[in-house]
Amino acid sequence: ARRANALVAAGETIYFVALPELHTAYYLPFPMKRIDDARIPQSVERLVGLAPRSTADELAKSGTVNVLASRTRGVLSENDHDAVVVFRWQRNRGAS
C-alpha cells in the first residue's frame, strides 16, 4: 500500500483488478474501484491498478501495461507470476 501511495497522484482512482480481497484498500487514501476480472469496462481508457502479475500480463492484450512496483509475501519480486503489482494501463486504440 505504501508503494501505491507514493506512485499515485492525489485523488486518482486506484482499481483493484482480479484481487479476491481488499485488505490493502484500508491503507490507501484514494478513491477505489473493483474489477473482478481482466475485462476493463469500455468507458475506461486508462487506469492505475493493483492486480496479480498474471492479470497485468492479460491486460497487455488490450493496452499498454507499465508495472510500477511488485511485491509477493512481503519480499520485492521481479518476475513472480502471483506477485501483486501496481501498474498503469492505457487502452490500445481500436482495442475492445
C-alpha atoms as a PDB file:
ATOM      1  CA  ALA A   1       0.000   0.000   0.000  1.00  0.00           C
ATOM      2  CA  ARG A   2       2.853   2.416   0.773  1.00  0.00           C
ATOM      3  CA  ARG A   3       4.305   1.858  -2.699  1.00  0.00           C
ATOM      4  CA  ALA A   4       0.935   2.598  -4.306  1.00  0.00           C
ATOM      5  CA  ASN A   5       0.549   5.737  -2.196  1.00  0.00           C
ATOM      6  CA  ALA A   6       3.910   7.001  -3.437  1.00  0.00           C
ATOM      7  CA  LEU A   7       3.105   6.263  -7.091  1.00  0.00           C
ATOM      8  CA  VAL A   8      -0.438   7.596  -7.463  1.00  0.00           C
ATOM      9  CA  ALA A   9      -1.468  11.231  -7.691  1.00  0.00           C
ATOM     10  CA  ALA A  10      -3.785  12.583  -5.004  1.00  0.00           C
ATOM     11  CA  GLY A  11      -7.421  11.994  -5.941  1.00  0.00           C
ATOM     12  CA  GLU A  12      -6.608   9.458  -8.670  1.00  0.00           C
ATOM     13  CA  THR A  13      -8.787   6.325  -8.609  1.00  0.00           C
ATOM     14  CA  ILE A  14      -6.982   3.046  -7.939  1.00  0.00           C
ATOM     15  CA  TYR A  15      -8.522  -0.051  -9.494  1.00  0.00           C
ATOM     16  CA  PHE A  16      -8.304  -3.427  -7.779  1.00  0.00           C
ATOM     17  CA  VAL A  17      -8.321  -5.904 -10.668  1.00  0.00           C
ATOM     18  CA  ALA A  18      -8.980  -9.620 -10.072  1.00  0.00           C
ATOM     19  CA  LEU A  19      -7.947  -9.439  -6.414  1.00  0.00           C
ATOM     20  CA  PRO A  20     -10.020 -11.665  -4.130  1.00  0.00           C
ATOM     21  CA  GLU A  21      -9.548  -9.479  -1.039  1.00  0.00           C
ATOM     22  CA  LEU A  22      -9.231  -5.764  -0.497  1.00  0.00           C
ATOM     23  CA  HIS A  23      -7.460  -5.522   2.880  1.00  0.00           C
ATOM     24  CA  THR A  24      -4.857  -3.278   1.185  1.00  0.00           C
ATOM     25  CA  ALA A  25      -7.658  -0.790   0.489  1.00  0.00           C
ATOM     26  CA  TYR A  26      -7.729   0.185   4.156  1.00  0.00           C
ATOM     27  CA  TYR A  27      -4.282   1.769   3.771  1.00  0.00           C
ATOM     28  CA  LEU A  28      -4.960   3.706   0.562  1.00  0.00           C
ATOM     29  CA  PRO A  29      -6.349   7.245   0.833  1.00  0.00           C
ATOM     30  CA  PHE A  30      -7.648   7.225  -2.754  1.00  0.00           C
ATOM     31  CA  PRO A  31     -10.955   6.621  -4.475  1.00  0.00           C
ATOM     32  CA  MET A  32     -11.114   2.906  -5.351  1.00  0.00           C
ATOM     33  CA  LYS A  33     -12.994   0.687  -7.767  1.00  0.00           C
ATOM     34  CA  ARG A  34     -13.010  -3.077  -8.040  1.00  0.00           C
ATOM     35  CA  ILE A  35     -12.974  -5.048 -11.293  1.00  0.00           C
ATOM     36  CA  ASP A  36     -13.423  -8.793 -10.814  1.00  0.00           C
ATOM     37  CA  ASP A  37     -11.501  -9.929 -13.904  1.00  0.00           C
ATOM     38  CA  ALA A  38      -9.210  -8.641 -16.648  1.00  0.00           C
ATOM     39  CA  ARG A  39     -12.084  -7.143 -18.684  1.00  0.00           C
ATOM     40  CA  ILE A  40     -11.748  -3.395 -18.276  1.00  0.00           C
ATOM     41  CA  PRO A  41     -15.025  -1.528 -18.965  1.00  0.00           C
ATOM     42  CA  GLN A  42     -15.097   0.249 -22.328  1.00  0.00           C
ATOM     43  CA  SER A  43     -15.620   3.573 -20.563  1.00  0.00           C
ATOM     44  CA  VAL A  44     -12.140   3.307 -19.011  1.00  0.00           C
ATOM     45  CA  GLU A  45      -9.293   4.457 -21.268  1.00  0.00           C
ATOM     46  CA  ARG A  46      -6.501   4.392 -18.693  1.00  0.00           C
ATOM     47  CA  LEU A  47      -6.076   3.433 -15.067  1.00  0.00           C
ATOM     48  CA  VAL A  48      -3.741   2.815 -12.173  1.00  0.00           C
ATOM     49  CA  GLY A  49      -4.343  -0.521 -10.506  1.00  0.00           C
ATOM     50  CA  LEU A  50      -3.269  -3.369  -8.315  1.00  0.00           C
ATOM     51  CA  ALA A  51      -3.551  -6.887  -9.698  1.00  0.00           C
ATOM     52  CA  PRO A  52      -1.792 -10.244  -9.763  1.00  0.00           C
ATOM     53  CA  ARG A  53       1.076 -10.150 -12.263  1.00  0.00           C
ATOM     54  CA  SER A  54      -0.735 -12.756 -14.386  1.00  0.00           C
ATOM     55  CA  THR A  55      -3.727 -10.406 -14.687  1.00  0.00           C
ATOM     56  CA  ALA A  56      -1.497  -7.464 -15.611  1.00  0.00           C
ATOM     57  CA  ASP A  57       0.009  -9.690 -18.319  1.00  0.00           C
ATOM     58  CA  GLU A  58      -3.522 -10.436 -19.579  1.00  0.00           C
ATOM     59  CA  LEU A  59      -4.321  -6.710 -19.685  1.00  0.00           C
ATOM     60  CA  ALA A  60      -1.386  -6.222 -22.058  1.00  0.00           C
ATOM     61  CA  LYS A  61      -3.571  -7.784 -24.783  1.00  0.00           C
ATOM     62  CA  SER A  62      -5.833  -4.729 -24.766  1.00  0.00           C
ATOM     63  CA  GLY A  63      -3.437  -1.981 -23.764  1.00  0.00           C
ATOM     64  CA  THR A  64      -0.016  -0.888 -22.637  1.00  0.00           C
ATOM     65  CA  VAL A  65       0.900  -2.015 -19.120  1.00  0.00           C
ATOM     66  CA  ASN A  66       3.698  -0.384 -17.152  1.00  0.00           C
ATOM     67  CA  VAL A  67       4.471  -2.187 -13.891  1.00  0.00           C
ATOM     68  CA  LEU A  68       5.423   0.407 -11.287  1.00  0.00           C
ATOM     69  CA  ALA A  69       6.042  -1.893  -8.304  1.00  0.00           C
ATOM     70  CA  SER A  70       5.786  -5.577  -7.427  1.00  0.00           C
ATOM     71  CA  ARG A  71       5.588  -7.439  -4.142  1.00  0.00           C
ATOM     72  CA  THR A  72       4.989 -11.020  -3.054  1.00  0.00           C
ATOM     73  CA  ARG A  73       4.703 -12.210   0.533  1.00  0.00           C
ATOM     74  CA  GLY A  74       6.472  -9.096   1.784  1.00  0.00           C
ATOM     75  CA  VAL A  75       9.508  -9.557  -0.473  1.00  0.00           C
ATOM     76  CA  LEU A  76      10.238  -7.494  -3.569  1.00  0.00           C
ATOM     77  CA  SER A  77       9.705  -9.584  -6.674  1.00  0.00           C
ATOM     78  CA  GLU A  78      10.708  -9.015 -10.267  1.00  0.00           C
ATOM     79  CA  ASN A  79       9.048 -11.955 -12.014  1.00  0.00           C
ATOM     80  CA  ASP A  80       6.841 -13.951  -9.620  1.00  0.00           C
ATOM     81  CA  HIS A  81       3.676 -14.912 -11.525  1.00  0.00           C
ATOM     82  CA  ASP A  82       1.499 -14.477  -8.405  1.00  0.00           C
ATOM     83  CA  ALA A  83       3.030 -11.226  -7.179  1.00  0.00           C
ATOM     84  CA  VAL A  84       0.680  -8.297  -6.733  1.00  0.00           C
ATOM     85  CA  VAL A  85       1.785  -5.437  -8.944  1.00  0.00           C
ATOM     86  CA  VAL A  86       0.977  -1.743  -9.049  1.00  0.00           C
ATOM     87  CA  PHE A  87       0.604  -0.768 -12.694  1.00  0.00           C
ATOM     88  CA  ARG A  88      -0.529   1.872 -15.156  1.00  0.00           C
ATOM     89  CA  TRP A  89      -2.630   0.722 -18.116  1.00  0.00           C
ATOM     90  CA  GLN A  90      -3.589   2.637 -21.280  1.00  0.00           C
ATOM     91  CA  ARG A  91      -6.097   1.140 -23.754  1.00  0.00           C
ATOM     92  CA  ASN A  92      -4.747   0.475 -27.244  1.00  0.00           C
ATOM     93  CA  ARG A  93      -6.557   2.376 -29.958  1.00  0.00           C
ATOM     94  CA  GLY A  94      -9.151   0.111 -31.503  1.00  0.00           C
ATOM     95  CA  ALA A  95      -8.914  -2.454 -28.675  1.00  0.00           C
ATOM     96  CA  SER A  96     -12.108  -3.764 -27.111  1.00  0.00           C
END
